[in-house]
Amino acid sequence: LEEPFYQSFMHGLGFTVEEIPPRNDRSQWEEMKVKVA
């Protein structure tokens, strides 16, 4: 949930800084869930 954990999770999955949307940007949640899955 918090920013440090969010960044660590996304980086652990292999996403680059440019590929990680702001965690509170709900407009990108659905698309990002598909990518994470």
PDB file of all heavy atoms in Angstrom:
ATOM      1  N   LEU A   1       0.804  -1.221   0.000  1.00  0.00           N
ATOM      2  CA  LEU A   1       0.000   0.000   0.000  1.00  0.00           C
ATOM      3  C   LEU A   1       0.842   1.277   0.000  1.00  0.00           C
ATOM      4  O   LEU A   1       0.578   2.207  -0.773  1.00  0.00           O
ATOM      5  CB  LEU A   1      -0.927  -0.001   1.226  1.00  0.00           C
ATOM      6  CG  LEU A   1      -2.059  -1.035   1.217  1.00  0.00           C
ATOM      7  CD1 LEU A   1      -2.832  -0.995   2.534  1.00  0.00           C
ATOM      8  CD2 LEU A   1      -2.996  -0.781   0.051  1.00  0.00           C
ATOM      9  N   GLU A   2       1.829   1.342   0.879  1.00  0.00           N
ATOM     10  CA  GLU A   2       2.626   2.575   0.982  1.00  0.00           C
ATOM     11  C   GLU A   2       3.659   2.651  -0.142  1.00  0.00           C
ATOM     12  O   GLU A   2       4.051   1.632  -0.719  1.00  0.00           O
ATOM     13  CB  GLU A   2       3.300   2.647   2.355  1.00  0.00           C
ATOM     14  CG  GLU A   2       2.335   2.848   3.522  1.00  0.00           C
ATOM     15  CD  GLU A   2       1.669   1.568   3.992  1.00  0.00           C
ATOM     16  OE1 GLU A   2       2.072   0.487   3.517  1.00  0.00           O
ATOM     17  OE2 GLU A   2       0.754   1.643   4.812  1.00  0.00           O
ATOM     18  N   GLU A   3       4.112   3.857  -0.422  1.00  0.00           N
ATOM     19  CA  GLU A   3       4.985   4.105  -1.574  1.00  0.00           C
ATOM     20  C   GLU A   3       6.251   3.243  -1.581  1.00  0.00           C
ATOM     21  O   GLU A   3       6.580   2.653  -2.627  1.00  0.00           O
ATOM     22  CB  GLU A   3       5.359   5.590  -1.643  1.00  0.00           C
ATOM     23  CG  GLU A   3       6.120   5.985  -2.897  1.00  0.00           C
ATOM     24  CD  GLU A   3       5.298   5.832  -4.179  1.00  0.00           C
ATOM     25  OE1 GLU A   3       4.055   5.845  -4.098  1.00  0.00           O
ATOM     26  OE2 GLU A   3       5.915   5.700  -5.256  1.00  0.00           O
ATOM     27  N   PRO A   4       6.993   3.130  -0.470  1.00  0.00           N
ATOM     28  CA  PRO A   4       8.199   2.286  -0.520  1.00  0.00           C
ATOM     29  C   PRO A   4       7.890   0.830  -0.874  1.00  0.00           C
ATOM     30  O   PRO A   4       8.616   0.200  -1.642  1.00  0.00           O
ATOM     31  CB  PRO A   4       8.780   2.408   0.898  1.00  0.00           C
ATOM     32  CG  PRO A   4       8.235   3.680   1.428  1.00  0.00           C
ATOM     33  CD  PRO A   4       6.859   3.804   0.841  1.00  0.00           C
ATOM     34  N   PHE A   5       6.805   0.300  -0.296  1.00  0.00           N
ATOM     35  CA  PHE A   5       6.436  -1.084  -0.596  1.00  0.00           C
ATOM     36  C   PHE A   5       5.977  -1.222  -2.045  1.00  0.00           C
ATOM     37  O   PHE A   5       6.282  -2.215  -2.724  1.00  0.00           O
ATOM     38  CB  PHE A   5       5.333  -1.565   0.352  1.00  0.00           C
ATOM     39  CG  PHE A   5       5.673  -1.435   1.815  1.00  0.00           C
ATOM     40  CD1 PHE A   5       4.729  -1.014   2.732  1.00  0.00           C
ATOM     41  CD2 PHE A   5       6.942  -1.742   2.288  1.00  0.00           C
ATOM     42  CE1 PHE A   5       5.034  -0.897   4.070  1.00  0.00           C
ATOM     43  CE2 PHE A   5       7.267  -1.631   3.627  1.00  0.00           C
ATOM     44  CZ  PHE A   5       6.301  -1.202   4.527  1.00  0.00           C
ATOM     45  N   TYR A   6       5.236  -0.231  -2.511  1.00  0.00           N
ATOM     46  CA  TYR A   6       4.743  -0.247  -3.889  1.00  0.00           C
ATOM     47  C   TYR A   6       5.902  -0.263  -4.869  1.00  0.00           C
ATOM     48  O   TYR A   6       5.929  -1.071  -5.817  1.00  0.00           O
ATOM     49  CB  TYR A   6       3.857   0.976  -4.104  1.00  0.00           C
ATOM     50  CG  TYR A   6       3.362   1.173  -5.515  1.00  0.00           C
ATOM     51  CD1 TYR A   6       2.436   0.304  -6.083  1.00  0.00           C
ATOM     52  CD2 TYR A   6       3.811   2.251  -6.282  1.00  0.00           C
ATOM     53  CE1 TYR A   6       1.971   0.496  -7.380  1.00  0.00           C
ATOM     54  CE2 TYR A   6       3.351   2.460  -7.577  1.00  0.00           C
ATOM     55  CZ  TYR A   6       2.434   1.566  -8.118  1.00  0.00           C
ATOM     56  OH  TYR A   6       1.975   1.767  -9.401  1.00  0.00           O
ATOM     57  N   GLN A   7       6.874   0.603  -4.648  1.00  0.00           N
ATOM     58  CA  GLN A   7       8.025   0.655  -5.548  1.00  0.00           C
ATOM     59  C   GLN A   7       8.824  -0.645  -5.491  1.00  0.00           C
ATOM     60  O   GLN A   7       9.252  -1.175  -6.525  1.00  0.00           O
ATOM     61  CB  GLN A   7       8.921   1.841  -5.176  1.00  0.00           C
ATOM     62  CG  GLN A   7       8.303   3.214  -5.437  1.00  0.00           C
ATOM     63  CD  GLN A   7       8.076   3.487  -6.916  1.00  0.00           C
ATOM     64  OE1 GLN A   7       8.806   2.978  -7.772  1.00  0.00           O
ATOM     65  NE2 GLN A   7       7.063   4.285  -7.230  1.00  0.00           N
ATOM     66  N   SER A   8       9.015  -1.182  -4.283  1.00  0.00           N
ATOM     67  CA  SER A   8       9.764  -2.436  -4.149  1.00  0.00           C
ATOM     68  C   SER A   8       9.055  -3.578  -4.857  1.00  0.00           C
ATOM     69  O   SER A   8       9.693  -4.418  -5.516  1.00  0.00           O
ATOM     70  CB  SER A   8       9.944  -2.775  -2.666  1.00  0.00           C
ATOM     71  OG  SER A   8      10.748  -1.817  -2.015  1.00  0.00           O
ATOM     72  N   PHE A   9       7.737  -3.622  -4.740  1.00  0.00           N
ATOM     73  CA  PHE A   9       6.962  -4.674  -5.390  1.00  0.00           C
ATOM     74  C   PHE A   9       7.089  -4.580  -6.900  1.00  0.00           C
ATOM     75  O   PHE A   9       7.390  -5.580  -7.586  1.00  0.00           O
ATOM     76  CB  PHE A   9       5.497  -4.569  -4.957  1.00  0.00           C
ATOM     77  CG  PHE A   9       4.572  -5.498  -5.690  1.00  0.00           C
ATOM     78  CD1 PHE A   9       4.752  -6.874  -5.644  1.00  0.00           C
ATOM     79  CD2 PHE A   9       3.498  -4.994  -6.422  1.00  0.00           C
ATOM     80  CE1 PHE A   9       3.894  -7.739  -6.312  1.00  0.00           C
ATOM     81  CE2 PHE A   9       2.649  -5.853  -7.109  1.00  0.00           C
ATOM     82  CZ  PHE A   9       2.850  -7.220  -7.050  1.00  0.00           C
ATOM     83  N   MET A  10       6.884  -3.406  -7.441  1.00  0.00           N
ATOM     84  CA  MET A  10       6.932  -3.232  -8.890  1.00  0.00           C
ATOM     85  C   MET A  10       8.330  -3.496  -9.437  1.00  0.00           C
ATOM     86  O   MET A  10       8.503  -4.142 -10.481  1.00  0.00           O
ATOM     87  CB  MET A  10       6.463  -1.828  -9.272  1.00  0.00           C
ATOM     88  CG  MET A  10       4.985  -1.579  -9.020  1.00  0.00           C
ATOM     89  SD  MET A  10       3.943  -2.720  -9.973  1.00  0.00           S
ATOM     90  CE  MET A  10       2.310  -2.196  -9.463  1.00  0.00           C
ATOM     91  N   HIS A  11       9.354  -3.039  -8.735  1.00  0.00           N
ATOM     92  CA  HIS A  11      10.728  -3.302  -9.180  1.00  0.00           C
ATOM     93  C   HIS A  11      11.045  -4.792  -9.083  1.00  0.00           C
ATOM     94  O   HIS A  11      11.755  -5.343  -9.939  1.00  0.00           O
ATOM     95  CB  HIS A  11      11.716  -2.491  -8.341  1.00  0.00           C
ATOM     96  CG  HIS A  11      11.717  -1.029  -8.667  1.00  0.00           C
ATOM     97  ND1 HIS A  11      11.881  -0.546  -9.946  1.00  0.00           N
ATOM     98  CD2 HIS A  11      11.579   0.064  -7.872  1.00  0.00           C
ATOM     99  CE1 HIS A  11      11.837   0.786  -9.930  1.00  0.00           C
ATOM    100  NE2 HIS A  11      11.648   1.174  -8.678  1.00  0.00           N
ATOM    101  N   GLY A  12      10.515  -5.464  -8.033  1.00  0.00           N
ATOM    102  CA  GLY A  12      10.726  -6.900  -7.898  1.00  0.00           C
ATOM    103  C   GLY A  12      10.125  -7.677  -9.054  1.00  0.00           C
ATOM    104  O   GLY A  12      10.623  -8.747  -9.423  1.00  0.00           O
ATOM    105  N   LEU A  13       9.062  -7.141  -9.636  1.00  0.00           N
ATOM    106  CA  LEU A  13       8.441  -7.783 -10.796  1.00  0.00           C
ATOM    107  C   LEU A  13       9.186  -7.490 -12.092  1.00  0.00           C
ATOM    108  O   LEU A  13       8.897  -8.098 -13.129  1.00  0.00           O
ATOM    109  CB  LEU A  13       6.986  -7.323 -10.939  1.00  0.00           C
ATOM    110  CG  LEU A  13       6.020  -7.712  -9.810  1.00  0.00           C
ATOM    111  CD1 LEU A  13       4.618  -7.189 -10.119  1.00  0.00           C
ATOM    112  CD2 LEU A  13       5.980  -9.217  -9.589  1.00  0.00           C
ATOM    113  N   GLY A  14      10.117  -6.538 -12.011  1.00  0.00           N
ATOM    114  CA  GLY A  14      10.905  -6.221 -13.204  1.00  0.00           C
ATOM    115  C   GLY A  14      10.457  -4.988 -13.954  1.00  0.00           C
ATOM    116  O   GLY A  14      11.002  -4.692 -15.033  1.00  0.00           O
ATOM    117  N   PHE A  15       9.516  -4.237 -13.433  1.00  0.00           N
ATOM    118  CA  PHE A  15       9.084  -3.015 -14.100  1.00  0.00           C
ATOM    119  C   PHE A  15      10.123  -1.912 -13.901  1.00  0.00           C
ATOM    120  O   PHE A  15      10.711  -1.787 -12.812  1.00  0.00           O
ATOM    121  CB  PHE A  15       7.732  -2.535 -13.559  1.00  0.00           C
ATOM    122  CG  PHE A  15       6.578  -3.435 -13.917  1.00  0.00           C
ATOM    123  CD1 PHE A  15       5.976  -4.247 -12.961  1.00  0.00           C
ATOM    124  CD2 PHE A  15       6.096  -3.473 -15.218  1.00  0.00           C
ATOM    125  CE1 PHE A  15       4.923  -5.072 -13.289  1.00  0.00           C
ATOM    126  CE2 PHE A  15       5.028  -4.296 -15.558  1.00  0.00           C
ATOM    127  CZ  PHE A  15       4.444  -5.104 -14.595  1.00  0.00           C
ATOM    128  N   THR A  16      10.352  -1.128 -14.943  1.00  0.00           N
ATOM    129  CA  THR A  16      11.273   0.006 -14.848  1.00  0.00           C
ATOM    130  C   THR A  16      10.553   1.200 -14.236  1.00  0.00           C
ATOM    131  O   THR A  16       9.317   1.222 -14.119  1.00  0.00           O
ATOM    132  CB  THR A  16      11.787   0.396 -16.233  1.00  0.00           C
ATOM    133  OG1 THR A  16      10.690   0.870 -17.030  1.00  0.00           O
ATOM    134  CG2 THR A  16      12.448  -0.787 -16.928  1.00  0.00           C
ATOM    135  N   VAL A  17      11.316   2.210 -13.861  1.00  0.00           N
ATOM    136  CA  VAL A  17      10.741   3.412 -13.275  1.00  0.00           C
ATOM    137  C   VAL A  17       9.705   4.021 -14.215  1.00  0.00           C
ATOM    138  O   VAL A  17       8.633   4.463 -13.787  1.00  0.00           O
ATOM    139  CB  VAL A  17      11.848   4.443 -12.959  1.00  0.00           C
ATOM    140  CG1 VAL A  17      11.245   5.771 -12.510  1.00  0.00           C
ATOM    141  CG2 VAL A  17      12.790   3.895 -11.885  1.00  0.00           C
ATOM    142  N   GLU A  18      10.011   4.025 -15.499  1.00  0.00           N
ATOM    143  CA  GLU A  18       9.094   4.618 -16.474  1.00  0.00           C
ATOM    144  C   GLU A  18       7.803   3.820 -16.625  1.00  0.00           C
ATOM    145  O   GLU A  18       6.762   4.369 -17.010  1.00  0.00           O
ATOM    146  CB  GLU A  18       9.777   4.713 -17.845  1.00  0.00           C
ATOM    147  CG  GLU A  18      10.955   5.677 -17.909  1.00  0.00           C
ATOM    148  CD  GLU A  18      12.211   5.124 -17.255  1.00  0.00           C
ATOM    149  OE1 GLU A  18      12.266   3.869 -17.047  1.00  0.00           O
ATOM    150  OE2 GLU A  18      13.112   5.916 -16.909  1.00  0.00           O
ATOM    151  N   GLU A  19       7.858   2.538 -16.318  1.00  0.00           N
ATOM    152  CA  GLU A  19       6.680   1.680 -16.484  1.00  0.00           C
ATOM    153  C   GLU A  19       5.763   1.666 -15.268  1.00  0.00           C
ATOM    154  O   GLU A  19       4.669   1.107 -15.336  1.00  0.00           O
ATOM    155  CB  GLU A  19       7.122   0.241 -16.784  1.00  0.00           C
ATOM    156  CG  GLU A  19       7.818   0.069 -18.129  1.00  0.00           C
ATOM    157  CD  GLU A  19       8.361  -1.332 -18.295  1.00  0.00           C
ATOM    158  OE1 GLU A  19       8.949  -1.865 -17.324  1.00  0.00           O
ATOM    159  OE2 GLU A  19       8.193  -1.901 -19.386  1.00  0.00           O
ATOM    160  N   ILE A  20       6.196   2.262 -14.176  1.00  0.00           N
ATOM    161  CA  ILE A  20       5.421   2.218 -12.932  1.00  0.00           C
ATOM    162  C   ILE A  20       4.572   3.478 -12.810  1.00  0.00           C
ATOM    163  O   ILE A  20       5.102   4.575 -12.637  1.00  0.00           O
ATOM    164  CB  ILE A  20       6.353   2.100 -11.706  1.00  0.00           C
ATOM    165  CG1 ILE A  20       7.246   0.856 -11.821  1.00  0.00           C
ATOM    166  CG2 ILE A  20       5.528   2.047 -10.424  1.00  0.00           C
ATOM    167  CD1 ILE A  20       8.288   0.742 -10.731  1.00  0.00           C
ATOM    168  N   PRO A  21       3.247   3.363 -12.893  1.00  0.00           N
ATOM    169  CA  PRO A  21       2.383   4.534 -12.751  1.00  0.00           C
ATOM    170  C   PRO A  21       2.273   4.962 -11.295  1.00  0.00           C
ATOM    171  O   PRO A  21       2.573   4.172 -10.382  1.00  0.00           O
ATOM    172  CB  PRO A  21       1.038   4.042 -13.284  1.00  0.00           C
ATOM    173  CG  PRO A  21       1.042   2.581 -12.977  1.00  0.00           C
ATOM    174  CD  PRO A  21       2.470   2.132 -13.126  1.00  0.00           C
ATOM    175  N   PRO A  22       1.866   6.188 -11.022  1.00  0.00           N
ATOM    176  CA  PRO A  22       1.622   6.600  -9.634  1.00  0.00           C
ATOM    177  C   PRO A  22       0.622   5.658  -8.977  1.00  0.00           C
ATOM    178  O   PRO A  22      -0.384   5.289  -9.581  1.00  0.00           O
ATOM    179  CB  PRO A  22       1.047   8.011  -9.775  1.00  0.00           C
ATOM    180  CG  PRO A  22       1.554   8.498 -11.096  1.00  0.00           C
ATOM    181  CD  PRO A  22       1.613   7.286 -11.976  1.00  0.00           C
ATOM    182  N   ARG A  23       0.898   5.246  -7.758  1.00  0.00           N
ATOM    183  CA  ARG A  23       0.091   4.200  -7.119  1.00  0.00           C
ATOM    184  C   ARG A  23      -1.348   4.633  -6.884  1.00  0.00           C
ATOM    185  O   ARG A  23      -2.236   3.782  -6.781  1.00  0.00           O
ATOM    186  CB  ARG A  23       0.737   3.758  -5.807  1.00  0.00           C
ATOM    187  CG  ARG A  23       0.832   4.823  -4.742  1.00  0.00           C
ATOM    188  CD  ARG A  23       1.652   4.333  -3.550  1.00  0.00           C
ATOM    189  NE  ARG A  23       1.947   5.409  -2.619  1.00  0.00           N
ATOM    190  CZ  ARG A  23       1.199   5.707  -1.574  1.00  0.00           C
ATOM    191  NH1 ARG A  23       0.120   4.996  -1.310  1.00  0.00           N
ATOM    192  NH2 ARG A  23       1.537   6.696  -0.773  1.00  0.00           N
ATOM    193  N   ASN A  24      -1.615   5.934  -6.819  1.00  0.00           N
ATOM    194  CA  ASN A  24      -2.978   6.404  -6.569  1.00  0.00           C
ATOM    195  C   ASN A  24      -3.708   6.841  -7.837  1.00  0.00           C
ATOM    196  O   ASN A  24      -4.801   7.413  -7.751  1.00  0.00           O
ATOM    197  CB  ASN A  24      -2.966   7.556  -5.563  1.00  0.00           C
ATOM    198  CG  ASN A  24      -2.556   7.087  -4.168  1.00  0.00           C
ATOM    199  OD1 ASN A  24      -2.897   5.978  -3.750  1.00  0.00           O
ATOM    200  ND2 ASN A  24      -1.804   7.917  -3.463  1.00  0.00           N
ATOM    201  N   ASP A  25      -3.100   6.566  -8.985  1.00  0.00           N
ATOM    202  CA  ASP A  25      -3.739   6.930 -10.254  1.00  0.00           C
ATOM    203  C   ASP A  25      -4.721   5.819 -10.637  1.00  0.00           C
ATOM    204  O   ASP A  25      -4.375   4.843 -11.290  1.00  0.00           O
ATOM    205  CB  ASP A  25      -2.678   7.113 -11.338  1.00  0.00           C
ATOM    206  CG  ASP A  25      -3.279   7.581 -12.660  1.00  0.00           C
ATOM    207  OD1 ASP A  25      -4.523   7.679 -12.754  1.00  0.00           O
ATOM    208  OD2 ASP A  25      -2.500   7.844 -13.593  1.00  0.00           O
ATOM    209  N   ARG A  26      -5.967   5.993 -10.245  1.00  0.00           N
ATOM    210  CA  ARG A  26      -6.966   4.949 -10.448  1.00  0.00           C
ATOM    211  C   ARG A  26      -7.261   4.709 -11.923  1.00  0.00           C
ATOM    212  O   ARG A  26      -7.742   3.621 -12.278  1.00  0.00           O
ATOM    213  CB  ARG A  26      -8.258   5.312  -9.701  1.00  0.00           C
ATOM    214  CG  ARG A  26      -8.067   5.381  -8.191  1.00  0.00           C
ATOM    215  CD  ARG A  26      -9.385   5.516  -7.460  1.00  0.00           C
ATOM    216  NE  ARG A  26      -9.166   5.526  -6.011  1.00  0.00           N
ATOM    217  CZ  ARG A  26      -9.980   4.957  -5.119  1.00  0.00           C
ATOM    218  NH1 ARG A  26     -11.068   4.323  -5.546  1.00  0.00           N
ATOM    219  NH2 ARG A  26      -9.727   5.018  -3.837  1.00  0.00           N
ATOM    220  N   SER A  27      -6.979   5.664 -12.755  1.00  0.00           N
ATOM    221  CA  SER A  27      -7.248   5.482 -14.179  1.00  0.00           C
ATOM    222  C   SER A  27      -6.371   4.389 -14.784  1.00  0.00           C
ATOM    223  O   SER A  27      -6.688   3.853 -15.849  1.00  0.00           O
ATOM    224  CB  SER A  27      -7.035   6.798 -14.929  1.00  0.00           C
ATOM    225  OG  SER A  27      -5.656   7.174 -14.910  1.00  0.00           O
ATOM    226  N   GLN A  28      -5.262   4.056 -14.124  1.00  0.00           N
ATOM    227  CA  GLN A  28      -4.349   3.044 -14.651  1.00  0.00           C
ATOM    228  C   GLN A  28      -4.384   1.732 -13.866  1.00  0.00           C
ATOM    229  O   GLN A  28      -3.653   0.800 -14.197  1.00  0.00           O
ATOM    230  CB  GLN A  28      -2.916   3.600 -14.661  1.00  0.00           C
ATOM    231  CG  GLN A  28      -2.753   4.844 -15.529  1.00  0.00           C
ATOM    232  CD  GLN A  28      -1.292   5.202 -15.729  1.00  0.00           C
ATOM    233  OE1 GLN A  28      -0.509   4.397 -16.241  1.00  0.00           O
ATOM    234  NE2 GLN A  28      -0.910   6.401 -15.333  1.00  0.00           N
ATOM    235  N   TRP A  29      -5.221   1.676 -12.856  1.00  0.00           N
ATOM    236  CA  TRP A  29      -5.255   0.482 -12.020  1.00  0.00           C
ATOM    237  C   TRP A  29      -5.620  -0.776 -12.810  1.00  0.00           C
ATOM    238  O   TRP A  29      -4.947  -1.798 -12.684  1.00  0.00           O
ATOM    239  CB  TRP A  29      -6.259   0.665 -10.874  1.00  0.00           C
ATOM    240  CG  TRP A  29      -5.704   1.404  -9.696  1.00  0.00           C
ATOM    241  CD1 TRP A  29      -4.456   1.963  -9.589  1.00  0.00           C
ATOM    242  CD2 TRP A  29      -6.371   1.667  -8.463  1.00  0.00           C
ATOM    243  NE1 TRP A  29      -4.305   2.554  -8.360  1.00  0.00           N
ATOM    244  CE2 TRP A  29      -5.467   2.386  -7.645  1.00  0.00           C
ATOM    245  CE3 TRP A  29      -7.643   1.372  -7.970  1.00  0.00           C
ATOM    246  CZ2 TRP A  29      -5.803   2.808  -6.354  1.00  0.00           C
ATOM    247  CZ3 TRP A  29      -7.979   1.787  -6.689  1.00  0.00           C
ATOM    248  CH2 TRP A  29      -7.060   2.500  -5.891  1.00  0.00           C
ATOM    249  N   GLU A  30      -6.674  -0.708 -13.596  1.00  0.00           N
ATOM    250  CA  GLU A  30      -7.148  -1.905 -14.285  1.00  0.00           C
ATOM    251  C   GLU A  30      -6.094  -2.435 -15.244  1.00  0.00           C
ATOM    252  O   GLU A  30      -5.813  -3.644 -15.293  1.00  0.00           O
ATOM    253  CB  GLU A  30      -8.447  -1.600 -15.026  1.00  0.00           C
ATOM    254  CG  GLU A  30      -9.246  -2.828 -15.426  1.00  0.00           C
ATOM    255  CD  GLU A  30      -9.726  -3.648 -14.234  1.00  0.00           C
ATOM    256  OE1 GLU A  30     -10.026  -3.068 -13.171  1.00  0.00           O
ATOM    257  OE2 GLU A  30      -9.784  -4.897 -14.369  1.00  0.00           O
ATOM    258  N   GLU A  31      -5.479  -1.536 -16.007  1.00  0.00           N
ATOM    259  CA  GLU A  31      -4.443  -1.952 -16.953  1.00  0.00           C
ATOM    260  C   GLU A  31      -3.238  -2.533 -16.209  1.00  0.00           C
ATOM    261  O   GLU A  31      -2.670  -3.550 -16.627  1.00  0.00           O
ATOM    262  CB  GLU A  31      -4.015  -0.754 -17.797  1.00  0.00           C
ATOM    263  CG  GLU A  31      -2.908  -1.078 -18.795  1.00  0.00           C
ATOM    264  CD  GLU A  31      -2.437   0.155 -19.558  1.00  0.00           C
ATOM    265  OE1 GLU A  31      -3.042   1.233 -19.383  1.00  0.00           O
ATOM    266  OE2 GLU A  31      -1.452   0.034 -20.316  1.00  0.00           O
ATOM    267  N   MET A  32      -2.866  -1.911 -15.091  1.00  0.00           N
ATOM    268  CA  MET A  32      -1.696  -2.373 -14.354  1.00  0.00           C
ATOM    269  C   MET A  32      -1.966  -3.715 -13.678  1.00  0.00           C
ATOM    270  O   MET A  32      -1.068  -4.563 -13.570  1.00  0.00           O
ATOM    271  CB  MET A  32      -1.297  -1.327 -13.306  1.00  0.00           C
ATOM    272  CG  MET A  32       0.149  -1.426 -12.874  1.00  0.00           C
ATOM    273  SD  MET A  32       1.243  -1.152 -14.296  1.00  0.00           S
ATOM    274  CE  MET A  32       2.772  -1.827 -13.638  1.00  0.00           C
ATOM    275  N   LYS A  33      -3.186  -3.945 -13.250  1.00  0.00           N
ATOM    276  CA  LYS A  33      -3.527  -5.244 -12.650  1.00  0.00           C
ATOM    277  C   LYS A  33      -3.326  -6.367 -13.668  1.00  0.00           C
ATOM    278  O   LYS A  33      -2.815  -7.443 -13.326  1.00  0.00           O
ATOM    279  CB  LYS A  33      -4.980  -5.236 -12.175  1.00  0.00           C
ATOM    280  CG  LYS A  33      -5.208  -4.551 -10.832  1.00  0.00           C
ATOM    281  CD  LYS A  33      -6.688  -4.462 -10.502  1.00  0.00           C
ATOM    282  CE  LYS A  33      -7.329  -5.818 -10.410  1.00  0.00           C
ATOM    283  NZ  LYS A  33      -8.777  -5.714 -10.075  1.00  0.00           N
ATOM    284  N   VAL A  34      -3.692  -6.119 -14.904  1.00  0.00           N
ATOM    285  CA  VAL A  34      -3.522  -7.119 -15.955  1.00  0.00           C
ATOM    286  C   VAL A  34      -2.037  -7.406 -16.173  1.00  0.00           C
ATOM    287  O   VAL A  34      -1.617  -8.570 -16.311  1.00  0.00           O
ATOM    288  CB  VAL A  34      -4.189  -6.650 -17.264  1.00  0.00           C
ATOM    289  CG1 VAL A  34      -3.856  -7.608 -18.407  1.00  0.00           C
ATOM    290  CG2 VAL A  34      -5.696  -6.522 -17.085  1.00  0.00           C
ATOM    291  N   LYS A  35      -1.236  -6.348 -16.191  1.00  0.00           N
ATOM    292  CA  LYS A  35       0.204  -6.523 -16.386  1.00  0.00           C
ATOM    293  C   LYS A  35       0.844  -7.271 -15.213  1.00  0.00           C
ATOM    294  O   LYS A  35       1.669  -8.182 -15.408  1.00  0.00           O
ATOM    295  CB  LYS A  35       0.878  -5.168 -16.563  1.00  0.00           C
ATOM    296  CG  LYS A  35       0.504  -4.441 -17.851  1.00  0.00           C
ATOM    297  CD  LYS A  35       1.220  -3.104 -17.935  1.00  0.00           C
ATOM    298  CE  LYS A  35       0.871  -2.370 -19.236  1.00  0.00           C
ATOM    299  NZ  LYS A  35       1.547  -1.039 -19.320  1.00  0.00           N
ATOM    300  N   VAL A  36       0.473  -6.895 -14.000  1.00  0.00           N
ATOM    301  CA  VAL A  36       1.025  -7.555 -12.816  1.00  0.00           C
ATOM    302  C   VAL A  36       0.636  -9.031 -12.812  1.00  0.00           C
ATOM    303  O   VAL A  36       1.468  -9.911 -12.542  1.00  0.00           O
ATOM    304  CB  VAL A  36       0.537  -6.849 -11.532  1.00  0.00           C
ATOM    305  CG1 VAL A  36       0.850  -7.697 -10.292  1.00  0.00           C
ATOM    306  CG2 VAL A  36       1.170  -5.474 -11.396  1.00  0.00           C
ATOM    307  N   ALA A  37      -0.614  -9.327 -13.119  1.00  0.00           N
ATOM    308  CA  ALA A  37      -1.075 -10.716 -13.141  1.00  0.00           C
ATOM    309  C   ALA A  37      -0.299 -11.536 -14.159  1.00  0.00           C
ATOM    310  O   ALA A  37       0.064 -12.694 -13.902  1.00  0.00           O
ATOM    311  CB  ALA A  37      -2.568 -10.759 -13.442  1.00  0.00           C
TER     312      ALA A  37
END
